[in-house]
Amino acid sequence: MQPGDEGGSRGRCLAELESQGVRFYRFGPGFMHQKVILVDDGAAVGTADFDHRSFRLNFEITVIADDDGFAAEVERMLAADFESSRPMKLDDLHRKGLFFRFTVQLARLMSPIQ
């Protein structure tokens, strides 16, 4: 098993993203399910994943706004979230025990086809 293979294709994707400069953070105070995009003066905030299950079964939504004030508010929210987070490297996942790696693979078996 090569480094990055613990998550199968996702592990390889994370390794590729990390090699391109993408940074990963772990939120400390609790569980966060939101999906947020902030680009220039526009922002999107919601819970929907980009898959059929989120859109057709779970009826999750995302709000997209092209508004300076909303984007500034989202930027402040993200800054506060990063203050409560710690940087992570893919190597942090490699140090996880066998039980963690097993349960990740088991969870992937139960997830919808993507």
PDB file of N, CA and C in Angstrom:
ATOM      1  N   MET A   1       0.850  -1.178   0.000  1.00  0.00           N
ATOM      2  CA  MET A   1       0.000   0.000   0.000  1.00  0.00           C
ATOM      3  C   MET A   1       0.891   1.235   0.000  1.00  0.00           C
ATOM      4  N   GLN A   2       0.654   2.134  -0.921  1.00  0.00           N
ATOM      5  CA  GLN A   2       1.441   3.353  -1.040  1.00  0.00           C
ATOM      6  C   GLN A   2       0.841   4.450  -0.160  1.00  0.00           C
ATOM      7  N   PRO A   3       1.665   5.429   0.278  1.00  0.00           N
ATOM      8  CA  PRO A   3       1.100   6.560   1.010  1.00  0.00           C
ATOM      9  C   PRO A   3       0.010   7.222   0.168  1.00  0.00           C
ATOM     10  N   GLY A   4      -1.100   7.530   0.798  1.00  0.00           N
ATOM     11  CA  GLY A   4      -2.218   8.137   0.087  1.00  0.00           C
ATOM     12  C   GLY A   4      -3.265   7.125  -0.322  1.00  0.00           C
ATOM     13  N   ASP A   5      -2.934   5.809  -0.225  1.00  0.00           N
ATOM     14  CA  ASP A   5      -3.876   4.781  -0.638  1.00  0.00           C
ATOM     15  C   ASP A   5      -4.893   4.429   0.443  1.00  0.00           C
ATOM     16  N   GLU A   6      -4.688   4.906   1.677  1.00  0.00           N
ATOM     17  CA  GLU A   6      -5.613   4.536   2.746  1.00  0.00           C
ATOM     18  C   GLU A   6      -7.037   4.942   2.412  1.00  0.00           C
ATOM     19  N   GLY A   7      -7.209   6.017   1.674  1.00  0.00           N
ATOM     20  CA  GLY A   7      -8.538   6.451   1.300  1.00  0.00           C
ATOM     21  C   GLY A   7      -8.876   6.063  -0.120  1.00  0.00           C
ATOM     22  N   GLY A   8      -8.150   5.107  -0.697  1.00  0.00           N
ATOM     23  CA  GLY A   8      -8.407   4.713  -2.077  1.00  0.00           C
ATOM     24  C   GLY A   8      -8.178   5.889  -3.003  1.00  0.00           C
ATOM     25  N   SER A   9      -9.075   6.061  -3.970  1.00  0.00           N
ATOM     26  CA  SER A   9      -8.915   7.161  -4.929  1.00  0.00           C
ATOM     27  C   SER A   9      -8.996   8.509  -4.236  1.00  0.00           C
ATOM     28  N   ARG A  10      -9.765   8.597  -3.149  1.00  0.00           N
ATOM     29  CA  ARG A  10      -9.835   9.870  -2.418  1.00  0.00           C
ATOM     30  C   ARG A  10      -8.499  10.207  -1.792  1.00  0.00           C
ATOM     31  N   GLY A  11      -7.801   9.218  -1.261  1.00  0.00           N
ATOM     32  CA  GLY A  11      -6.477   9.473  -0.695  1.00  0.00           C
ATOM     33  C   GLY A  11      -5.527   9.992  -1.752  1.00  0.00           C
ATOM     34  N   ARG A  12      -5.602   9.411  -2.942  1.00  0.00           N
ATOM     35  CA  ARG A  12      -4.751   9.888  -4.034  1.00  0.00           C
ATOM     36  C   ARG A  12      -5.145  11.297  -4.450  1.00  0.00           C
ATOM     37  N   CYS A  13      -6.451  11.590  -4.444  1.00  0.00           N
ATOM     38  CA  CYS A  13      -6.902  12.950  -4.769  1.00  0.00           C
ATOM     39  C   CYS A  13      -6.389  13.948  -3.739  1.00  0.00           C
ATOM     40  N   LEU A  14      -6.465  13.583  -2.466  1.00  0.00           N
ATOM     41  CA  LEU A  14      -5.974  14.483  -1.429  1.00  0.00           C
ATOM     42  C   LEU A  14      -4.481  14.726  -1.581  1.00  0.00           C
ATOM     43  N   ALA A  15      -3.734  13.674  -1.908  1.00  0.00           N
ATOM     44  CA  ALA A  15      -2.296  13.826  -2.102  1.00  0.00           C
ATOM     45  C   ALA A  15      -2.010  14.770  -3.269  1.00  0.00           C
ATOM     46  N   GLU A  16      -2.749  14.621  -4.351  1.00  0.00           N
ATOM     47  CA  GLU A  16      -2.567  15.497  -5.516  1.00  0.00           C
ATOM     48  C   GLU A  16      -2.919  16.943  -5.175  1.00  0.00           C
ATOM     49  N   LEU A  17      -4.030  17.136  -4.482  1.00  0.00           N
ATOM     50  CA  LEU A  17      -4.418  18.489  -4.087  1.00  0.00           C
ATOM     51  C   LEU A  17      -3.369  19.122  -3.185  1.00  0.00           C
ATOM     52  N   GLU A  18      -2.886  18.358  -2.214  1.00  0.00           N
ATOM     53  CA  GLU A  18      -1.868  18.868  -1.305  1.00  0.00           C
ATOM     54  C   GLU A  18      -0.601  19.251  -2.070  1.00  0.00           C
ATOM     55  N   SER A  19      -0.225  18.453  -3.059  1.00  0.00           N
ATOM     56  CA  SER A  19       0.987  18.752  -3.829  1.00  0.00           C
ATOM     57  C   SER A  19       0.816  20.025  -4.668  1.00  0.00           C
ATOM     58  N   GLN A  20      -0.437  20.418  -4.927  1.00  0.00           N
ATOM     59  CA  GLN A  20      -0.716  21.632  -5.700  1.00  0.00           C
ATOM     60  C   GLN A  20      -0.940  22.853  -4.814  1.00  0.00           C
ATOM     61  N   GLY A  21      -0.749  22.684  -3.504  1.00  0.00           N
ATOM     62  CA  GLY A  21      -0.848  23.834  -2.604  1.00  0.00           C
ATOM     63  C   GLY A  21      -2.156  23.974  -1.854  1.00  0.00           C
ATOM     64  N   VAL A  22      -3.092  23.020  -2.033  1.00  0.00           N
ATOM     65  CA  VAL A  22      -4.336  23.080  -1.279  1.00  0.00           C
ATOM     66  C   VAL A  22      -4.018  22.764   0.176  1.00  0.00           C
ATOM     67  N   ARG A  23      -4.598  23.539   1.067  1.00  0.00           N
ATOM     68  CA  ARG A  23      -4.371  23.323   2.496  1.00  0.00           C
ATOM     69  C   ARG A  23      -5.640  22.765   3.130  1.00  0.00           C
ATOM     70  N   PHE A  24      -5.455  21.884   4.105  1.00  0.00           N
ATOM     71  CA  PHE A  24      -6.561  21.245   4.803  1.00  0.00           C
ATOM     72  C   PHE A  24      -6.520  21.651   6.264  1.00  0.00           C
ATOM     73  N   TYR A  25      -7.704  21.840   6.850  1.00  0.00           N
ATOM     74  CA  TYR A  25      -7.805  22.236   8.252  1.00  0.00           C
ATOM     75  C   TYR A  25      -8.828  21.350   8.947  1.00  0.00           C
ATOM     76  N   ARG A  26      -8.609  21.150  10.233  1.00  0.00           N
ATOM     77  CA  ARG A  26      -9.567  20.391  11.047  1.00  0.00           C
ATOM     78  C   ARG A  26     -10.197  21.361  12.041  1.00  0.00           C
ATOM     79  N   PHE A  27     -11.514  21.476  11.955  1.00  0.00           N
ATOM     80  CA  PHE A  27     -12.269  22.382  12.825  1.00  0.00           C
ATOM     81  C   PHE A  27     -12.329  21.786  14.216  1.00  0.00           C
ATOM     82  N   GLY A  28     -11.972  22.569  15.231  1.00  0.00           N
ATOM     83  CA  GLY A  28     -11.850  22.046  16.583  1.00  0.00           C
ATOM     84  C   GLY A  28     -13.102  21.984  17.422  1.00  0.00           C
ATOM     85  N   PRO A  29     -13.935  23.025  17.448  1.00  0.00           N
ATOM     86  CA  PRO A  29     -15.034  23.044  18.421  1.00  0.00           C
ATOM     87  C   PRO A  29     -16.128  22.003  18.224  1.00  0.00           C
ATOM     88  N   GLY A  30     -16.258  21.431  17.058  1.00  0.00           N
ATOM     89  CA  GLY A  30     -17.337  20.475  16.839  1.00  0.00           C
ATOM     90  C   GLY A  30     -17.382  20.018  15.400  1.00  0.00           C
ATOM     91  N   PHE A  31     -18.559  19.638  14.968  1.00  0.00           N
ATOM     92  CA  PHE A  31     -18.779  19.126  13.624  1.00  0.00           C
ATOM     93  C   PHE A  31     -19.281  20.249  12.725  1.00  0.00           C
ATOM     94  N   MET A  32     -18.720  20.361  11.530  1.00  0.00           N
ATOM     95  CA  MET A  32     -19.146  21.382  10.584  1.00  0.00           C
ATOM     96  C   MET A  32     -19.560  20.697   9.281  1.00  0.00           C
ATOM     97  N   HIS A  33     -20.773  20.947   8.833  1.00  0.00           N
ATOM     98  CA  HIS A  33     -21.283  20.296   7.620  1.00  0.00           C
ATOM     99  C   HIS A  33     -21.428  21.267   6.455  1.00  0.00           C
ATOM    100  N   GLN A  34     -21.212  22.536   6.698  1.00  0.00           N
ATOM    101  CA  GLN A  34     -21.448  23.543   5.655  1.00  0.00           C
ATOM    102  C   GLN A  34     -20.464  23.427   4.500  1.00  0.00           C
ATOM    103  N   LYS A  35     -20.931  23.866   3.363  1.00  0.00           N
ATOM    104  CA  LYS A  35     -20.074  23.999   2.189  1.00  0.00           C
ATOM    105  C   LYS A  35     -20.087  25.479   1.843  1.00  0.00           C
ATOM    106  N   VAL A  36     -18.901  26.085   1.706  1.00  0.00           N
ATOM    107  CA  VAL A  36     -18.793  27.519   1.488  1.00  0.00           C
ATOM    108  C   VAL A  36     -17.837  27.785   0.341  1.00  0.00           C
ATOM    109  N   ILE A  37     -18.244  28.686  -0.539  1.00  0.00           N
ATOM    110  CA  ILE A  37     -17.380  29.148  -1.617  1.00  0.00           C
ATOM    111  C   ILE A  37     -17.364  30.670  -1.537  1.00  0.00           C
ATOM    112  N   LEU A  38     -16.168  31.255  -1.577  1.00  0.00           N
ATOM    113  CA  LEU A  38     -16.027  32.703  -1.565  1.00  0.00           C
ATOM    114  C   LEU A  38     -15.107  33.082  -2.714  1.00  0.00           C
ATOM    115  N   VAL A  39     -15.653  33.810  -3.670  1.00  0.00           N
ATOM    116  CA  VAL A  39     -14.883  34.240  -4.834  1.00  0.00           C
ATOM    117  C   VAL A  39     -15.182  35.712  -5.078  1.00  0.00           C
ATOM    118  N   ASP A  40     -14.148  36.545  -4.980  1.00  0.00           N
ATOM    119  CA  ASP A  40     -14.295  37.978  -5.202  1.00  0.00           C
ATOM    120  C   ASP A  40     -15.443  38.525  -4.353  1.00  0.00           C
ATOM    121  N   ASP A  41     -16.477  39.059  -4.984  1.00  0.00           N
ATOM    122  CA  ASP A  41     -17.599  39.653  -4.252  1.00  0.00           C
ATOM    123  C   ASP A  41     -18.827  38.753  -4.235  1.00  0.00           C
ATOM    124  N   GLY A  42     -18.635  37.482  -4.498  1.00  0.00           N
ATOM    125  CA  GLY A  42     -19.741  36.535  -4.482  1.00  0.00           C
ATOM    126  C   GLY A  42     -19.455  35.406  -3.513  1.00  0.00           C
ATOM    127  N   ALA A  43     -20.510  34.813  -3.007  1.00  0.00           N
ATOM    128  CA  ALA A  43     -20.351  33.717  -2.054  1.00  0.00           C
ATOM    129  C   ALA A  43     -21.505  32.734  -2.184  1.00  0.00           C
ATOM    130  N   ALA A  44     -21.226  31.491  -1.811  1.00  0.00           N
ATOM    131  CA  ALA A  44     -22.244  30.449  -1.744  1.00  0.00           C
ATOM    132  C   ALA A  44     -22.100  29.751  -0.396  1.00  0.00           C
ATOM    133  N   VAL A  45     -23.219  29.543   0.282  1.00  0.00           N
ATOM    134  CA  VAL A  45     -23.225  28.888   1.588  1.00  0.00           C
ATOM    135  C   VAL A  45     -24.389  27.910   1.608  1.00  0.00           C
ATOM    136  N   GLY A  46     -24.135  26.698   2.051  1.00  0.00           N
ATOM    137  CA  GLY A  46     -25.207  25.719   2.145  1.00  0.00           C
ATOM    138  C   GLY A  46     -24.719  24.414   2.713  1.00  0.00           C
ATOM    139  N   THR A  47     -25.542  23.398   2.574  1.00  0.00           N
ATOM    140  CA  THR A  47     -25.189  22.066   3.063  1.00  0.00           C
ATOM    141  C   THR A  47     -25.153  21.038   1.947  1.00  0.00           C
ATOM    142  N   ALA A  48     -25.579  21.413   0.755  1.00  0.00           N
ATOM    143  CA  ALA A  48     -25.710  20.446  -0.337  1.00  0.00           C
ATOM    144  C   ALA A  48     -24.359  20.001  -0.875  1.00  0.00           C
ATOM    145  N   ASP A  49     -24.224  18.692  -1.047  1.00  0.00           N
ATOM    146  CA  ASP A  49     -23.117  18.131  -1.799  1.00  0.00           C
ATOM    147  C   ASP A  49     -23.549  18.183  -3.263  1.00  0.00           C
ATOM    148  N   PHE A  50     -22.608  18.093  -4.160  1.00  0.00           N
ATOM    149  CA  PHE A  50     -22.981  18.109  -5.571  1.00  0.00           C
ATOM    150  C   PHE A  50     -23.191  16.679  -6.048  1.00  0.00           C
ATOM    151  N   ASP A  51     -24.275  16.072  -5.552  1.00  0.00           N
ATOM    152  CA  ASP A  51     -24.646  14.735  -5.979  1.00  0.00           C
ATOM    153  C   ASP A  51     -26.164  14.612  -5.979  1.00  0.00           C
ATOM    154  N   HIS A  52     -26.661  13.560  -6.603  1.00  0.00           N
ATOM    155  CA  HIS A  52     -28.104  13.362  -6.718  1.00  0.00           C
ATOM    156  C   HIS A  52     -28.781  13.206  -5.363  1.00  0.00           C
ATOM    157  N   ARG A  53     -28.088  12.565  -4.435  1.00  0.00           N
ATOM    158  CA  ARG A  53     -28.699  12.331  -3.130  1.00  0.00           C
ATOM    159  C   ARG A  53     -29.029  13.655  -2.429  1.00  0.00           C
ATOM    160  N   SER A  54     -28.092  14.599  -2.460  1.00  0.00           N
ATOM    161  CA  SER A  54     -28.340  15.889  -1.808  1.00  0.00           C
ATOM    162  C   SER A  54     -29.462  16.668  -2.473  1.00  0.00           C
ATOM    163  N   PHE A  55     -29.484  16.658  -3.794  1.00  0.00           N
ATOM    164  CA  PHE A  55     -30.458  17.464  -4.510  1.00  0.00           C
ATOM    165  C   PHE A  55     -31.838  16.819  -4.605  1.00  0.00           C
ATOM    166  N   ARG A  56     -31.914  15.515  -4.721  1.00  0.00           N
ATOM    167  CA  ARG A  56     -33.206  14.861  -4.980  1.00  0.00           C
ATOM    168  C   ARG A  56     -33.794  14.117  -3.782  1.00  0.00           C
ATOM    169  N   LEU A  57     -32.948  13.629  -2.906  1.00  0.00           N
ATOM    170  CA  LEU A  57     -33.442  12.847  -1.777  1.00  0.00           C
ATOM    171  C   LEU A  57     -33.452  13.664  -0.484  1.00  0.00           C
ATOM    172  N   ASN A  58     -32.354  14.335  -0.199  1.00  0.00           N
ATOM    173  CA  ASN A  58     -32.236  15.065   1.059  1.00  0.00           C
ATOM    174  C   ASN A  58     -32.758  16.499   0.965  1.00  0.00           C
ATOM    175  N   PHE A  59     -32.997  16.984  -0.237  1.00  0.00           N
ATOM    176  CA  PHE A  59     -33.503  18.338  -0.457  1.00  0.00           C
ATOM    177  C   PHE A  59     -32.649  19.396   0.236  1.00  0.00           C
ATOM    178  N   GLU A  60     -31.352  19.234   0.150  1.00  0.00           N
ATOM    179  CA  GLU A  60     -30.439  20.235   0.708  1.00  0.00           C
ATOM    180  C   GLU A  60     -30.337  21.396  -0.272  1.00  0.00           C
ATOM    181  N   ILE A  61     -29.985  22.560   0.258  1.00  0.00           N
ATOM    182  CA  ILE A  61     -29.897  23.741  -0.604  1.00  0.00           C
ATOM    183  C   ILE A  61     -28.608  24.509  -0.334  1.00  0.00           C
ATOM    184  N   THR A  62     -28.292  25.361  -1.275  1.00  0.00           N
ATOM    185  CA  THR A  62     -27.176  26.285  -1.146  1.00  0.00           C
ATOM    186  C   THR A  62     -27.645  27.647  -1.645  1.00  0.00           C
ATOM    187  N   VAL A  63     -27.303  28.676  -0.893  1.00  0.00           N
ATOM    188  CA  VAL A  63     -27.629  30.046  -1.275  1.00  0.00           C
ATOM    189  C   VAL A  63     -26.424  30.627  -1.992  1.00  0.00           C
ATOM    190  N   ILE A  64     -26.649  31.199  -3.164  1.00  0.00           N
ATOM    191  CA  ILE A  64     -25.582  31.833  -3.932  1.00  0.00           C
ATOM    192  C   ILE A  64     -25.934  33.309  -4.042  1.00  0.00           C
ATOM    193  N   ALA A  65     -24.987  34.178  -3.660  1.00  0.00           N
ATOM    194  CA  ALA A  65     -25.259  35.611  -3.693  1.00  0.00           C
ATOM    195  C   ALA A  65     -24.090  36.361  -4.313  1.00  0.00           C
ATOM    196  N   ASP A  66     -24.408  37.281  -5.177  1.00  0.00           N
ATOM    197  CA  ASP A  66     -23.424  38.188  -5.763  1.00  0.00           C
ATOM    198  C   ASP A  66     -23.624  39.541  -5.091  1.00  0.00           C
ATOM    199  N   ASP A  67     -23.132  39.640  -3.858  1.00  0.00           N
ATOM    200  CA  ASP A  67     -23.388  40.814  -3.030  1.00  0.00           C
ATOM    201  C   ASP A  67     -22.155  41.096  -2.172  1.00  0.00           C
ATOM    202  N   ASP A  68     -21.644  42.316  -2.240  1.00  0.00           N
ATOM    203  CA  ASP A  68     -20.436  42.682  -1.490  1.00  0.00           C
ATOM    204  C   ASP A  68     -20.605  42.474   0.013  1.00  0.00           C
ATOM    205  N   GLY A  69     -21.744  42.893   0.554  1.00  0.00           N
ATOM    206  CA  GLY A  69     -21.981  42.777   1.989  1.00  0.00           C
ATOM    207  C   GLY A  69     -22.040  41.329   2.443  1.00  0.00           C
ATOM    208  N   PHE A  70     -22.748  40.495   1.684  1.00  0.00           N
ATOM    209  CA  PHE A  70     -22.849  39.074   2.024  1.00  0.00           C
ATOM    210  C   PHE A  70     -21.475  38.411   1.943  1.00  0.00           C
ATOM    211  N   ALA A  71     -20.717  38.730   0.886  1.00  0.00           N
ATOM    212  CA  ALA A  71     -19.377  38.153   0.726  1.00  0.00           C
ATOM    213  C   ALA A  71     -18.470  38.575   1.883  1.00  0.00           C
ATOM    214  N   ALA A  72     -18.572  39.815   2.329  1.00  0.00           N
ATOM    215  CA  ALA A  72     -17.756  40.290   3.460  1.00  0.00           C
ATOM    216  C   ALA A  72     -18.126  39.549   4.739  1.00  0.00           C
ATOM    217  N   GLU A  73     -19.414  39.304   4.925  1.00  0.00           N
ATOM    218  CA  GLU A  73     -19.877  38.551   6.104  1.00  0.00           C
ATOM    219  C   GLU A  73     -19.354  37.112   6.063  1.00  0.00           C
ATOM    220  N   VAL A  74     -19.404  36.495   4.895  1.00  0.00           N
ATOM    221  CA  VAL A  74     -18.889  35.134   4.737  1.00  0.00           C
ATOM    222  C   VAL A  74     -17.379  35.118   5.002  1.00  0.00           C
ATOM    223  N   GLU A  75     -16.676  36.125   4.522  1.00  0.00           N
ATOM    224  CA  GLU A  75     -15.226  36.197   4.764  1.00  0.00           C
ATOM    225  C   GLU A  75     -14.921  36.282   6.259  1.00  0.00           C
ATOM    226  N   ARG A  76     -15.678  37.090   7.003  1.00  0.00           N
ATOM    227  CA  ARG A  76     -15.490  37.177   8.461  1.00  0.00           C
ATOM    228  C   ARG A  76     -15.790  35.833   9.127  1.00  0.00           C
ATOM    229  N   MET A  77     -16.863  35.165   8.665  1.00  0.00           N
ATOM    230  CA  MET A  77     -17.231  33.865   9.219  1.00  0.00           C
ATOM    231  C   MET A  77     -16.112  32.846   8.990  1.00  0.00           C
ATOM    232  N   LEU A  78     -15.563  32.827   7.776  1.00  0.00           N
ATOM    233  CA  LEU A  78     -14.479  31.889   7.471  1.00  0.00           C
ATOM    234  C   LEU A  78     -13.237  32.185   8.295  1.00  0.00           C
ATOM    235  N   ALA A  79     -12.910  33.471   8.466  1.00  0.00           N
ATOM    236  CA  ALA A  79     -11.738  33.842   9.269  1.00  0.00           C
ATOM    237  C   ALA A  79     -11.903  33.330  10.701  1.00  0.00           C
ATOM    238  N   ALA A  80     -13.098  33.477  11.265  1.00  0.00           N
ATOM    239  CA  ALA A  80     -13.356  32.972  12.618  1.00  0.00           C
ATOM    240  C   ALA A  80     -13.254  31.450  12.662  1.00  0.00           C
ATOM    241  N   ASP A  81     -13.767  30.776  11.626  1.00  0.00           N
ATOM    242  CA  ASP A  81     -13.681  29.311  11.582  1.00  0.00           C
ATOM    243  C   ASP A  81     -12.235  28.842  11.506  1.00  0.00           C
ATOM    244  N   PHE A  82     -11.412  29.515  10.717  1.00  0.00           N
ATOM    245  CA  PHE A  82      -9.999  29.136  10.617  1.00  0.00           C
ATOM    246  C   PHE A  82      -9.262  29.377  11.927  1.00  0.00           C
ATOM    247  N   GLU A  83      -9.679  30.393  12.686  1.00  0.00           N
ATOM    248  CA  GLU A  83      -9.074  30.636  14.000  1.00  0.00           C
ATOM    249  C   GLU A  83      -9.322  29.466  14.945  1.00  0.00           C
ATOM    250  N   SER A  84     -10.426  28.757  14.726  1.00  0.00           N
ATOM    251  CA  SER A  84     -10.793  27.623  15.572  1.00  0.00           C
ATOM    252  C   SER A  84     -10.387  26.293  14.944  1.00  0.00           C
ATOM    253  N   SER A  85      -9.499  26.334  13.966  1.00  0.00           N
ATOM    254  CA  SER A  85      -9.086  25.127  13.243  1.00  0.00           C
ATOM    255  C   SER A  85      -7.580  24.964  13.328  1.00  0.00           C
ATOM    256  N   ARG A  86      -7.146  23.753  13.041  1.00  0.00           N
ATOM    257  CA  ARG A  86      -5.703  23.521  12.990  1.00  0.00           C
ATOM    258  C   ARG A  86      -5.344  22.933  11.631  1.00  0.00           C
ATOM    259  N   PRO A  87      -4.178  23.343  11.103  1.00  0.00           N
ATOM    260  CA  PRO A  87      -3.756  22.801   9.811  1.00  0.00           C
ATOM    261  C   PRO A  87      -3.542  21.294   9.894  1.00  0.00           C
ATOM    262  N   MET A  88      -3.847  20.598   8.812  1.00  0.00           N
ATOM    263  CA  MET A  88      -3.632  19.157   8.725  1.00  0.00           C
ATOM    264  C   MET A  88      -2.870  18.842   7.454  1.00  0.00           C
ATOM    265  N   LYS A  89      -2.094  17.804   7.522  1.00  0.00           N
ATOM    266  CA  LYS A  89      -1.386  17.275   6.356  1.00  0.00           C
ATOM    267  C   LYS A  89      -1.906  15.870   6.101  1.00  0.00           C
ATOM    268  N   LEU A  90      -1.755  15.414   4.887  1.00  0.00           N
ATOM    269  CA  LEU A  90      -2.173  14.061   4.552  1.00  0.00           C
ATOM    270  C   LEU A  90      -1.438  13.042   5.426  1.00  0.00           C
ATOM    271  N   ASP A  91      -0.214  13.357   5.812  1.00  0.00           N
ATOM    272  CA  ASP A  91       0.540  12.461   6.687  1.00  0.00           C
ATOM    273  C   ASP A  91      -0.181  12.207   8.011  1.00  0.00           C
ATOM    274  N   ASP A  92      -0.979  13.188   8.469  1.00  0.00           N
ATOM    275  CA  ASP A  92      -1.742  12.995   9.706  1.00  0.00           C
ATOM    276  C   ASP A  92      -2.687  11.799   9.579  1.00  0.00           C
ATOM    277  N   LEU A  93      -3.252  11.598   8.387  1.00  0.00           N
ATOM    278  CA  LEU A  93      -4.139  10.451   8.174  1.00  0.00           C
ATOM    279  C   LEU A  93      -3.362   9.143   8.119  1.00  0.00           C
ATOM    280  N   HIS A  94      -2.132   9.197   7.615  1.00  0.00           N
ATOM    281  CA  HIS A  94      -1.315   7.982   7.533  1.00  0.00           C
ATOM    282  C   HIS A  94      -0.946   7.464   8.919  1.00  0.00           C
ATOM    283  N   ARG A  95      -0.906   8.349   9.892  1.00  0.00           N
ATOM    284  CA  ARG A  95      -0.548   7.944  11.255  1.00  0.00           C
ATOM    285  C   ARG A  95      -1.728   7.378  12.028  1.00  0.00           C
ATOM    286  N   LYS A  96      -2.913   7.451  11.463  1.00  0.00           N
ATOM    287  CA  LYS A  96      -4.100   6.895  12.129  1.00  0.00           C
ATOM    288  C   LYS A  96      -3.967   5.381  12.194  1.00  0.00           C
ATOM    289  N   GLY A  97      -4.596   4.791  13.192  1.00  0.00           N
ATOM    290  CA  GLY A  97      -4.509   3.357  13.391  1.00  0.00           C
ATOM    291  C   GLY A  97      -5.332   2.556  12.399  1.00  0.00           C
ATOM    292  N   LEU A  98      -5.151   1.253  12.487  1.00  0.00           N
ATOM    293  CA  LEU A  98      -5.850   0.320  11.607  1.00  0.00           C
ATOM    294  C   LEU A  98      -7.364   0.437  11.750  1.00  0.00           C
ATOM    295  N   PHE A  99      -7.860   0.588  12.978  1.00  0.00           N
ATOM    296  CA  PHE A  99      -9.302   0.690  13.202  1.00  0.00           C
ATOM    297  C   PHE A  99      -9.877   1.878  12.448  1.00  0.00           C
ATOM    298  N   PHE A 100      -9.213   3.040  12.488  1.00  0.00           N
ATOM    299  CA  PHE A 100      -9.679   4.223  11.773  1.00  0.00           C
ATOM    300  C   PHE A 100      -9.709   3.959  10.270  1.00  0.00           C
ATOM    301  N   ARG A 101      -8.643   3.417   9.734  1.00  0.00           N
ATOM    302  CA  ARG A 101      -8.578   3.164   8.293  1.00  0.00           C
ATOM    303  C   ARG A 101      -9.641   2.155   7.859  1.00  0.00           C
ATOM    304  N   PHE A 102      -9.880   1.148   8.692  1.00  0.00           N
ATOM    305  CA  PHE A 102     -10.906   0.152   8.398  1.00  0.00           C
ATOM    306  C   PHE A 102     -12.289   0.799   8.370  1.00  0.00           C
ATOM    307  N   THR A 103     -12.608   1.622   9.378  1.00  0.00           N
ATOM    308  CA  THR A 103     -13.932   2.230   9.432  1.00  0.00           C
ATOM    309  C   THR A 103     -14.136   3.220   8.289  1.00  0.00           C
ATOM    310  N   VAL A 104     -13.083   3.886   7.839  1.00  0.00           N
ATOM    311  CA  VAL A 104     -13.203   4.782   6.682  1.00  0.00           C
ATOM    312  C   VAL A 104     -13.588   3.976   5.452  1.00  0.00           C
ATOM    313  N   GLN A 105     -12.921   2.845   5.246  1.00  0.00           N
ATOM    314  CA  GLN A 105     -13.245   2.004   4.090  1.00  0.00           C
ATOM    315  C   GLN A 105     -14.656   1.428   4.208  1.00  0.00           C
ATOM    316  N   LEU A 106     -15.070   1.040   5.404  1.00  0.00           N
ATOM    317  CA  LEU A 106     -16.422   0.528   5.627  1.00  0.00           C
ATOM    318  C   LEU A 106     -17.463   1.597   5.331  1.00  0.00           C
ATOM    319  N   ALA A 107     -17.212   2.806   5.761  1.00  0.00           N
ATOM    320  CA  ALA A 107     -18.138   3.916   5.487  1.00  0.00           C
ATOM    321  C   ALA A 107     -18.235   4.174   3.990  1.00  0.00           C
ATOM    322  N   ARG A 108     -17.134   4.047   3.277  1.00  0.00           N
ATOM    323  CA  ARG A 108     -17.170   4.254   1.830  1.00  0.00           C
ATOM    324  C   ARG A 108     -18.043   3.207   1.151  1.00  0.00           C
ATOM    325  N   LEU A 109     -18.059   1.979   1.677  1.00  0.00           N
ATOM    326  CA  LEU A 109     -18.907   0.936   1.091  1.00  0.00           C
ATOM    327  C   LEU A 109     -20.386   1.276   1.217  1.00  0.00           C
ATOM    328  N   MET A 110     -20.744   1.993   2.282  1.00  0.00           N
ATOM    329  CA  MET A 110     -22.139   2.326   2.528  1.00  0.00           C
ATOM    330  C   MET A 110     -22.560   3.648   1.906  1.00  0.00           C
ATOM    331  N   SER A 111     -21.627   4.385   1.349  1.00  0.00           N
ATOM    332  CA  SER A 111     -21.967   5.679   0.769  1.00  0.00           C
ATOM    333  C   SER A 111     -22.573   5.478  -0.619  1.00  0.00           C
ATOM    334  N   PRO A 112     -23.318   6.476  -1.099  1.00  0.00           N
ATOM    335  CA  PRO A 112     -23.918   6.339  -2.427  1.00  0.00           C
ATOM    336  C   PRO A 112     -22.831   6.336  -3.499  1.00  0.00           C
ATOM    337  N   ILE A 113     -23.154   5.723  -4.625  1.00  0.00           N
ATOM    338  CA  ILE A 113     -22.219   5.691  -5.749  1.00  0.00           C
ATOM    339  C   ILE A 113     -22.042   7.108  -6.264  1.00  0.00           C
ATOM    340  N   GLN A 114     -20.790   7.482  -6.476  1.00  0.00           N
ATOM    341  CA  GLN A 114     -20.510   8.857  -6.919  1.00  0.00           C
ATOM    342  C   GLN A 114     -19.781   8.857  -8.219  1.00  0.00           C
TER     343      GLN A 114
END
